[in-house]
PDB file of all heavy atoms in Angstrom:
ATOM      1  N   ILE A   1      40.522  -4.841 -18.391  1.00  0.00           N
ATOM      2  CA  ILE A   1      40.057  -5.869 -19.316  1.00  0.00           C
ATOM      3  C   ILE A   1      41.231  -7.005 -19.526  1.00  0.00           C
ATOM      4  O   ILE A   1      42.334  -6.694 -19.450  1.00  0.00           O
ATOM      5  CB  ILE A   1      39.601  -5.261 -20.719  1.00  0.00           C
ATOM      6  CG1 ILE A   1      40.771  -4.572 -21.405  1.00  0.00           C
ATOM      7  CG2 ILE A   1      38.394  -4.321 -20.415  1.00  0.00           C
ATOM      8  CD1 ILE A   1      40.485  -3.968 -22.672  1.00  0.00           C
ATOM      9  N   THR A   2      40.728  -8.111 -19.822  1.00  0.00           N
ATOM     10  CA  THR A   2      41.561  -9.259 -20.148  1.00  0.00           C
ATOM     11  C   THR A   2      41.423  -9.910 -21.540  1.00  0.00           C
ATOM     12  O   THR A   2      42.127 -10.774 -21.858  1.00  0.00           O
ATOM     13  CB  THR A   2      41.457 -10.453 -19.114  1.00  0.00           C
ATOM     14  OG1 THR A   2      40.021 -10.972 -19.189  1.00  0.00           O
ATOM     15  CG2 THR A   2      41.746  -9.921 -17.628  1.00  0.00           C
ATOM     16  N   GLU A   3      40.452  -9.264 -22.230  1.00  0.00           N
ATOM     17  CA  GLU A   3      40.216  -9.755 -23.517  1.00  0.00           C
ATOM     18  C   GLU A   3      39.680  -8.546 -24.435  1.00  0.00           C
ATOM     19  O   GLU A   3      39.034  -7.614 -24.109  1.00  0.00           O
ATOM     20  CB  GLU A   3      38.923 -10.829 -23.479  1.00  0.00           C
ATOM     21  CG  GLU A   3      38.633 -11.399 -24.851  1.00  0.00           C
ATOM     22  CD  GLU A   3      37.453 -12.287 -24.625  1.00  0.00           C
ATOM     23  OE1 GLU A   3      36.228 -12.006 -24.304  1.00  0.00           O
ATOM     24  OE2 GLU A   3      37.703 -13.589 -24.863  1.00  0.00           O
ATOM     25  N   PHE A   4      40.197  -8.523 -25.702  1.00  0.00           N
ATOM     26  CA  PHE A   4      39.767  -7.698 -26.668  1.00  0.00           C
ATOM     27  C   PHE A   4      38.749  -8.361 -27.719  1.00  0.00           C
ATOM     28  O   PHE A   4      38.891  -9.572 -27.876  1.00  0.00           O
ATOM     29  CB  PHE A   4      40.979  -7.167 -27.511  1.00  0.00           C
ATOM     30  CG  PHE A   4      41.898  -6.369 -26.766  1.00  0.00           C
ATOM     31  CD1 PHE A   4      43.323  -6.756 -26.764  1.00  0.00           C
ATOM     32  CD2 PHE A   4      41.542  -5.202 -26.299  1.00  0.00           C
ATOM     33  CE1 PHE A   4      44.246  -5.847 -26.049  1.00  0.00           C
ATOM     34  CE2 PHE A   4      42.409  -4.283 -25.708  1.00  0.00           C
ATOM     35  CZ  PHE A   4      43.625  -4.686 -25.494  1.00  0.00           C
ATOM     36  N   ILE A   5      37.982  -7.578 -28.302  1.00  0.00           N
ATOM     37  CA  ILE A   5      37.028  -8.057 -29.281  1.00  0.00           C
ATOM     38  C   ILE A   5      37.539  -7.489 -30.771  1.00  0.00           C
ATOM     39  O   ILE A   5      37.460  -6.252 -30.820  1.00  0.00           O
ATOM     40  CB  ILE A   5      35.593  -7.618 -29.043  1.00  0.00           C
ATOM     41  CG1 ILE A   5      35.087  -8.046 -27.600  1.00  0.00           C
ATOM     42  CG2 ILE A   5      34.594  -8.174 -30.145  1.00  0.00           C
ATOM     43  CD1 ILE A   5      34.995  -9.624 -27.464  1.00  0.00           C
ATOM     44  N   LEU A   6      37.785  -8.328 -31.545  1.00  0.00           N
ATOM     45  CA  LEU A   6      38.143  -7.959 -32.904  1.00  0.00           C
ATOM     46  C   LEU A   6      36.954  -7.710 -33.675  1.00  0.00           C
ATOM     47  O   LEU A   6      36.340  -8.692 -34.130  1.00  0.00           O
ATOM     48  CB  LEU A   6      39.231  -8.949 -33.610  1.00  0.00           C
ATOM     49  CG  LEU A   6      40.592  -9.011 -33.100  1.00  0.00           C
ATOM     50  CD1 LEU A   6      41.276 -10.195 -33.640  1.00  0.00           C
ATOM     51  CD2 LEU A   6      41.291  -7.733 -33.153  1.00  0.00           C
ATOM     52  N   ARG A   7      36.659  -6.553 -34.029  1.00  0.00           N
ATOM     53  CA  ARG A   7      35.344  -6.260 -34.829  1.00  0.00           C
ATOM     54  C   ARG A   7      35.518  -6.653 -36.326  1.00  0.00           C
ATOM     55  O   ARG A   7      34.503  -7.121 -36.885  1.00  0.00           O
ATOM     56  CB  ARG A   7      35.067  -4.715 -34.767  1.00  0.00           C
ATOM     57  CG  ARG A   7      33.670  -4.255 -35.309  1.00  0.00           C
ATOM     58  CD  ARG A   7      33.287  -2.939 -35.001  1.00  0.00           C
ATOM     59  NE  ARG A   7      31.918  -2.804 -35.557  1.00  0.00           N
ATOM     60  CZ  ARG A   7      31.682  -2.212 -36.711  1.00  0.00           C
ATOM     61  NH1 ARG A   7      32.639  -1.830 -37.600  1.00  0.00           N
ATOM     62  NH2 ARG A   7      30.501  -1.916 -36.993  1.00  0.00           N
ATOM     63  N   GLY A   8      36.720  -6.622 -36.782  1.00  0.00           N
ATOM     64  CA  GLY A   8      36.876  -7.141 -38.084  1.00  0.00           C
ATOM     65  C   GLY A   8      36.156  -6.516 -39.151  1.00  0.00           C
ATOM     66  O   GLY A   8      35.998  -5.199 -39.209  1.00  0.00           O
ATOM     67  N   PHE A   9      35.281  -7.253 -40.045  1.00  0.00           N
ATOM     68  CA  PHE A   9      34.403  -6.736 -40.854  1.00  0.00           C
ATOM     69  C   PHE A   9      32.978  -6.999 -40.459  1.00  0.00           C
ATOM     70  O   PHE A   9      32.152  -7.480 -41.207  1.00  0.00           O
ATOM     71  CB  PHE A   9      34.630  -7.547 -42.326  1.00  0.00           C
ATOM     72  CG  PHE A   9      36.137  -7.230 -42.952  1.00  0.00           C
ATOM     73  CD1 PHE A   9      37.058  -8.248 -42.659  1.00  0.00           C
ATOM     74  CD2 PHE A   9      36.345  -6.099 -43.616  1.00  0.00           C
ATOM     75  CE1 PHE A   9      38.366  -8.078 -42.995  1.00  0.00           C
ATOM     76  CE2 PHE A   9      37.730  -5.870 -44.080  1.00  0.00           C
ATOM     77  CZ  PHE A   9      38.666  -6.932 -43.771  1.00  0.00           C
ATOM     78  N   GLY A  10      32.787  -6.522 -39.231  1.00  0.00           N
ATOM     79  CA  GLY A  10      31.398  -6.687 -38.600  1.00  0.00           C
ATOM     80  C   GLY A  10      30.290  -5.987 -39.515  1.00  0.00           C
ATOM     81  O   GLY A  10      29.068  -6.426 -39.395  1.00  0.00           O
ATOM     82  N   GLU A  11      30.623  -4.927 -40.185  1.00  0.00           N
ATOM     83  CA  GLU A  11      29.566  -4.249 -40.932  1.00  0.00           C
ATOM     84  C   GLU A  11      29.100  -5.013 -42.245  1.00  0.00           C
ATOM     85  O   GLU A  11      28.195  -4.694 -42.916  1.00  0.00           O
ATOM     86  CB  GLU A  11      30.136  -2.925 -41.360  1.00  0.00           C
ATOM     87  CG  GLU A  11      31.219  -2.803 -42.313  1.00  0.00           C
ATOM     88  CD  GLU A  11      32.623  -3.244 -41.628  1.00  0.00           C
ATOM     89  OE1 GLU A  11      32.637  -3.373 -40.408  1.00  0.00           O
ATOM     90  OE2 GLU A  11      33.666  -3.266 -42.360  1.00  0.00           O
ATOM     91  N   LEU A  12      29.919  -6.109 -42.548  1.00  0.00           N
ATOM     92  CA  LEU A  12      29.491  -6.943 -43.632  1.00  0.00           C
ATOM     93  C   LEU A  12      29.143  -8.373 -43.272  1.00  0.00           C
ATOM     94  O   LEU A  12      29.465  -9.452 -43.978  1.00  0.00           O
ATOM     95  CB  LEU A  12      30.845  -7.063 -44.547  1.00  0.00           C
ATOM     96  CG  LEU A  12      31.399  -5.744 -45.083  1.00  0.00           C
ATOM     97  CD1 LEU A  12      32.613  -5.969 -45.987  1.00  0.00           C
ATOM     98  CD2 LEU A  12      30.243  -5.072 -46.008  1.00  0.00           C
ATOM     99  N   ARG A  13      28.261  -8.450 -42.259  1.00  0.00           N
ATOM    100  CA  ARG A  13      27.957  -9.751 -41.586  1.00  0.00           C
ATOM    101  C   ARG A  13      27.190 -10.604 -42.669  1.00  0.00           C
ATOM    102  O   ARG A  13      27.429 -11.818 -42.681  1.00  0.00           O
ATOM    103  CB  ARG A  13      27.061  -9.636 -40.374  1.00  0.00           C
ATOM    104  CG  ARG A  13      27.769  -9.034 -39.150  1.00  0.00           C
ATOM    105  CD  ARG A  13      26.826  -8.926 -37.980  1.00  0.00           C
ATOM    106  NE  ARG A  13      26.180 -10.145 -37.789  1.00  0.00           N
ATOM    107  CZ  ARG A  13      26.634 -11.165 -37.035  1.00  0.00           C
ATOM    108  NH1 ARG A  13      27.712 -11.095 -36.403  1.00  0.00           N
ATOM    109  NH2 ARG A  13      25.918 -12.300 -36.812  1.00  0.00           N
ATOM    110  N   GLU A  14      26.461 -10.082 -43.650  1.00  0.00           N
ATOM    111  CA  GLU A  14      25.662 -10.825 -44.539  1.00  0.00           C
ATOM    112  C   GLU A  14      26.634 -11.481 -45.532  1.00  0.00           C
ATOM    113  O   GLU A  14      26.236 -12.398 -46.246  1.00  0.00           O
ATOM    114  CB  GLU A  14      24.593 -10.048 -45.218  1.00  0.00           C
ATOM    115  CG  GLU A  14      25.131  -8.881 -46.026  1.00  0.00           C
ATOM    116  CD  GLU A  14      25.572  -7.651 -45.252  1.00  0.00           C
ATOM    117  OE1 GLU A  14      25.441  -7.641 -43.925  1.00  0.00           O
ATOM    118  OE2 GLU A  14      25.820  -6.711 -45.807  1.00  0.00           O
ATOM    119  N   LEU A  15      27.858 -10.908 -45.659  1.00  0.00           N
ATOM    120  CA  LEU A  15      28.672 -11.528 -46.516  1.00  0.00           C
ATOM    121  C   LEU A  15      29.856 -12.270 -45.951  1.00  0.00           C
ATOM    122  O   LEU A  15      30.810 -12.698 -46.681  1.00  0.00           O
ATOM    123  CB  LEU A  15      29.471 -10.294 -47.467  1.00  0.00           C
ATOM    124  CG  LEU A  15      28.555  -9.433 -48.180  1.00  0.00           C
ATOM    125  CD1 LEU A  15      29.408  -8.281 -48.705  1.00  0.00           C
ATOM    126  CD2 LEU A  15      27.855 -10.190 -49.358  1.00  0.00           C
ATOM    127  N   ARG A  16      29.651 -12.750 -44.745  1.00  0.00           N
ATOM    128  CA  ARG A  16      30.852 -13.363 -44.013  1.00  0.00           C
ATOM    129  C   ARG A  16      31.143 -14.693 -44.619  1.00  0.00           C
ATOM    130  O   ARG A  16      32.404 -15.009 -44.539  1.00  0.00           O
ATOM    131  CB  ARG A  16      30.565 -13.416 -42.557  1.00  0.00           C
ATOM    132  CG  ARG A  16      29.251 -14.288 -42.152  1.00  0.00           C
ATOM    133  CD  ARG A  16      29.106 -14.371 -40.551  1.00  0.00           C
ATOM    134  NE  ARG A  16      28.020 -15.304 -40.238  1.00  0.00           N
ATOM    135  CZ  ARG A  16      27.735 -15.536 -38.917  1.00  0.00           C
ATOM    136  NH1 ARG A  16      28.412 -14.993 -37.999  1.00  0.00           N
ATOM    137  NH2 ARG A  16      26.797 -16.328 -38.626  1.00  0.00           N
ATOM    138  N   ILE A  17      30.204 -15.508 -45.136  1.00  0.00           N
ATOM    139  CA  ILE A  17      30.472 -16.852 -45.634  1.00  0.00           C
ATOM    140  C   ILE A  17      31.276 -16.649 -47.007  1.00  0.00           C
ATOM    141  O   ILE A  17      32.315 -17.351 -47.222  1.00  0.00           O
ATOM    142  CB  ILE A  17      29.311 -17.618 -45.990  1.00  0.00           C
ATOM    143  CG1 ILE A  17      28.424 -17.885 -44.707  1.00  0.00           C
ATOM    144  CG2 ILE A  17      29.592 -18.971 -46.587  1.00  0.00           C
ATOM    145  CD1 ILE A  17      29.311 -18.585 -43.632  1.00  0.00           C
ATOM    146  N   LEU A  18      30.823 -15.662 -47.776  1.00  0.00           N
ATOM    147  CA  LEU A  18      31.597 -15.356 -48.936  1.00  0.00           C
ATOM    148  C   LEU A  18      32.931 -14.894 -48.769  1.00  0.00           C
ATOM    149  O   LEU A  18      33.997 -15.264 -49.300  1.00  0.00           O
ATOM    150  CB  LEU A  18      30.912 -14.309 -49.873  1.00  0.00           C
ATOM    151  CG  LEU A  18      31.545 -13.780 -51.118  1.00  0.00           C
ATOM    152  CD1 LEU A  18      31.746 -15.012 -52.116  1.00  0.00           C
ATOM    153  CD2 LEU A  18      30.765 -12.647 -51.828  1.00  0.00           C
ATOM    154  N   LEU A  19      33.123 -13.973 -47.685  1.00  0.00           N
ATOM    155  CA  LEU A  19      34.437 -13.483 -47.347  1.00  0.00           C
ATOM    156  C   LEU A  19      35.383 -14.610 -46.789  1.00  0.00           C
ATOM    157  O   LEU A  19      36.412 -14.620 -47.024  1.00  0.00           O
ATOM    158  CB  LEU A  19      34.429 -12.327 -46.291  1.00  0.00           C
ATOM    159  CG  LEU A  19      33.635 -10.946 -46.823  1.00  0.00           C
ATOM    160  CD1 LEU A  19      33.488 -10.136 -45.712  1.00  0.00           C
ATOM    161  CD2 LEU A  19      34.698 -10.332 -47.819  1.00  0.00           C
ATOM    162  N   PHE A  20      34.779 -15.476 -45.998  1.00  0.00           N
ATOM    163  CA  PHE A  20      35.502 -16.669 -45.464  1.00  0.00           C
ATOM    164  C   PHE A  20      36.098 -17.491 -46.533  1.00  0.00           C
ATOM    165  O   PHE A  20      37.278 -17.775 -46.610  1.00  0.00           O
ATOM    166  CB  PHE A  20      34.526 -17.490 -44.580  1.00  0.00           C
ATOM    167  CG  PHE A  20      35.169 -18.739 -44.313  1.00  0.00           C
ATOM    168  CD1 PHE A  20      36.212 -18.873 -43.244  1.00  0.00           C
ATOM    169  CD2 PHE A  20      34.913 -19.975 -44.849  1.00  0.00           C
ATOM    170  CE1 PHE A  20      36.812 -20.091 -42.956  1.00  0.00           C
ATOM    171  CE2 PHE A  20      35.494 -21.260 -44.586  1.00  0.00           C
ATOM    172  CZ  PHE A  20      36.398 -21.295 -43.547  1.00  0.00           C
ATOM    173  N   LEU A  21      35.300 -17.709 -47.670  1.00  0.00           N
ATOM    174  CA  LEU A  21      35.718 -18.657 -48.939  1.00  0.00           C
ATOM    175  C   LEU A  21      36.896 -17.827 -49.589  1.00  0.00           C
ATOM    176  O   LEU A  21      37.870 -18.470 -49.945  1.00  0.00           O
ATOM    177  CB  LEU A  21      34.604 -18.908 -49.715  1.00  0.00           C
ATOM    178  CG  LEU A  21      33.519 -19.804 -49.070  1.00  0.00           C
ATOM    179  CD1 LEU A  21      32.277 -19.951 -50.006  1.00  0.00           C
ATOM    180  CD2 LEU A  21      34.005 -21.234 -48.783  1.00  0.00           C
ATOM    181  N   VAL A  22      36.635 -16.493 -49.713  1.00  0.00           N
ATOM    182  CA  VAL A  22      37.539 -15.733 -50.591  1.00  0.00           C
ATOM    183  C   VAL A  22      38.980 -15.712 -49.814  1.00  0.00           C
ATOM    184  O   VAL A  22      39.974 -16.017 -50.409  1.00  0.00           O
ATOM    185  CB  VAL A  22      37.150 -14.245 -50.698  1.00  0.00           C
ATOM    186  CG1 VAL A  22      38.203 -13.491 -51.336  1.00  0.00           C
ATOM    187  CG2 VAL A  22      36.016 -14.235 -51.728  1.00  0.00           C
ATOM    188  N   PHE A  23      38.956 -15.396 -48.545  1.00  0.00           N
ATOM    189  CA  PHE A  23      40.212 -15.246 -47.725  1.00  0.00           C
ATOM    190  C   PHE A  23      40.796 -16.705 -47.449  1.00  0.00           C
ATOM    191  O   PHE A  23      42.102 -16.786 -47.233  1.00  0.00           O
ATOM    192  CB  PHE A  23      39.954 -14.523 -46.434  1.00  0.00           C
ATOM    193  CG  PHE A  23      39.731 -13.040 -46.516  1.00  0.00           C
ATOM    194  CD1 PHE A  23      38.613 -12.513 -46.363  1.00  0.00           C
ATOM    195  CD2 PHE A  23      40.974 -12.394 -47.009  1.00  0.00           C
ATOM    196  CE1 PHE A  23      38.441 -11.076 -46.672  1.00  0.00           C
ATOM    197  CE2 PHE A  23      40.722 -10.840 -47.210  1.00  0.00           C
ATOM    198  CZ  PHE A  23      39.552 -10.361 -47.011  1.00  0.00           C
ATOM    199  N   LEU A  24      39.916 -17.671 -47.357  1.00  0.00           N
ATOM    200  CA  LEU A  24      40.557 -19.102 -47.256  1.00  0.00           C
ATOM    201  C   LEU A  24      41.264 -19.460 -48.468  1.00  0.00           C
ATOM    202  O   LEU A  24      42.407 -20.007 -48.512  1.00  0.00           O
ATOM    203  CB  LEU A  24      39.441 -20.022 -46.973  1.00  0.00           C
ATOM    204  CG  LEU A  24      39.856 -21.653 -46.901  1.00  0.00           C
ATOM    205  CD1 LEU A  24      40.690 -21.789 -45.821  1.00  0.00           C
ATOM    206  CD2 LEU A  24      38.554 -22.477 -46.842  1.00  0.00           C
ATOM    207  N   MET A  25      40.639 -19.171 -49.654  1.00  0.00           N
ATOM    208  CA  MET A  25      41.410 -19.402 -50.919  1.00  0.00           C
ATOM    209  C   MET A  25      42.660 -18.678 -51.000  1.00  0.00           C
ATOM    210  O   MET A  25      43.778 -19.172 -51.427  1.00  0.00           O
ATOM    211  CB  MET A  25      40.569 -19.106 -52.120  1.00  0.00           C
ATOM    212  CG  MET A  25      40.975 -19.544 -53.519  1.00  0.00           C
ATOM    213  SD  MET A  25      41.387 -21.291 -53.528  1.00  0.00           S
ATOM    214  CE  MET A  25      39.706 -21.902 -53.412  1.00  0.00           C
ATOM    215  N   ILE A  26      42.667 -17.514 -50.643  1.00  0.00           N
ATOM    216  CA  ILE A  26      43.882 -16.484 -50.603  1.00  0.00           C
ATOM    217  C   ILE A  26      45.003 -17.219 -49.730  1.00  0.00           C
ATOM    218  O   ILE A  26      46.110 -17.223 -50.004  1.00  0.00           O
ATOM    219  CB  ILE A  26      43.583 -15.175 -50.168  1.00  0.00           C
ATOM    220  CG1 ILE A  26      42.820 -14.404 -51.183  1.00  0.00           C
ATOM    221  CG2 ILE A  26      44.859 -14.430 -49.872  1.00  0.00           C
ATOM    222  CD1 ILE A  26      42.304 -13.015 -50.823  1.00  0.00           C
ATOM    223  N   TYR A  27      44.610 -17.678 -48.519  1.00  0.00           N
ATOM    224  CA  TYR A  27      45.457 -18.130 -47.507  1.00  0.00           C
ATOM    225  C   TYR A  27      46.211 -19.424 -48.044  1.00  0.00           C
ATOM    226  O   TYR A  27      47.350 -19.629 -48.076  1.00  0.00           O
ATOM    227  CB  TYR A  27      44.774 -18.575 -46.248  1.00  0.00           C
ATOM    228  CG  TYR A  27      45.641 -18.975 -45.130  1.00  0.00           C
ATOM    229  CD1 TYR A  27      46.876 -18.388 -44.707  1.00  0.00           C
ATOM    230  CD2 TYR A  27      45.363 -20.274 -44.392  1.00  0.00           C
ATOM    231  CE1 TYR A  27      47.694 -18.855 -43.830  1.00  0.00           C
ATOM    232  CE2 TYR A  27      46.181 -20.706 -43.415  1.00  0.00           C
ATOM    233  CZ  TYR A  27      47.253 -20.006 -43.159  1.00  0.00           C
ATOM    234  OH  TYR A  27      48.088 -20.488 -42.146  1.00  0.00           O
ATOM    235  N   ILE A  28      45.310 -20.283 -48.671  1.00  0.00           N
ATOM    236  CA  ILE A  28      45.814 -21.515 -49.344  1.00  0.00           C
ATOM    237  C   ILE A  28      46.775 -21.201 -50.326  1.00  0.00           C
ATOM    238  O   ILE A  28      47.881 -21.834 -50.408  1.00  0.00           O
ATOM    239  CB  ILE A  28      44.585 -22.509 -49.846  1.00  0.00           C
ATOM    240  CG1 ILE A  28      43.712 -22.959 -48.631  1.00  0.00           C
ATOM    241  CG2 ILE A  28      45.167 -23.649 -50.631  1.00  0.00           C
ATOM    242  CD1 ILE A  28      42.429 -23.729 -49.027  1.00  0.00           C
ATOM    243  N   MET A  29      46.376 -20.336 -51.293  1.00  0.00           N
ATOM    244  CA  MET A  29      47.370 -20.066 -52.486  1.00  0.00           C
ATOM    245  C   MET A  29      48.619 -19.366 -51.912  1.00  0.00           C
ATOM    246  O   MET A  29      49.820 -19.691 -52.275  1.00  0.00           O
ATOM    247  CB  MET A  29      46.525 -19.006 -53.261  1.00  0.00           C
ATOM    248  CG  MET A  29      45.471 -19.747 -54.097  1.00  0.00           C
ATOM    249  SD  MET A  29      44.524 -18.379 -55.114  1.00  0.00           S
ATOM    250  CE  MET A  29      45.736 -17.811 -56.141  1.00  0.00           C
ATOM    251  N   THR A  30      48.499 -18.558 -50.840  1.00  0.00           N
ATOM    252  CA  THR A  30      49.594 -17.819 -50.303  1.00  0.00           C
ATOM    253  C   THR A  30      50.552 -18.977 -49.642  1.00  0.00           C
ATOM    254  O   THR A  30      51.869 -18.879 -49.951  1.00  0.00           O
ATOM    255  CB  THR A  30      49.394 -16.893 -49.204  1.00  0.00           C
ATOM    256  OG1 THR A  30      48.450 -15.969 -49.834  1.00  0.00           O
ATOM    257  CG2 THR A  30      50.467 -16.252 -48.513  1.00  0.00           C
ATOM    258  N   MET A  31      50.093 -20.007 -49.008  1.00  0.00           N
ATOM    259  CA  MET A  31      50.929 -21.071 -48.378  1.00  0.00           C
ATOM    260  C   MET A  31      51.536 -21.711 -49.281  1.00  0.00           C
ATOM    261  O   MET A  31      52.821 -22.201 -49.236  1.00  0.00           O
ATOM    262  CB  MET A  31      49.938 -21.823 -47.308  1.00  0.00           C
ATOM    263  CG  MET A  31      49.465 -21.013 -46.192  1.00  0.00           C
ATOM    264  SD  MET A  31      50.730 -20.290 -45.123  1.00  0.00           S
ATOM    265  CE  MET A  31      51.440 -21.686 -44.297  1.00  0.00           C
TER     266      MET A  31
END
């Protein structure tokens, strides 16, 4: 194989937009 698939939080697909916003805010505050 030449590529991996990061499953991440695949079991929470319905919450991915919410999770994106939460972790984006965390990243901005961290930086």
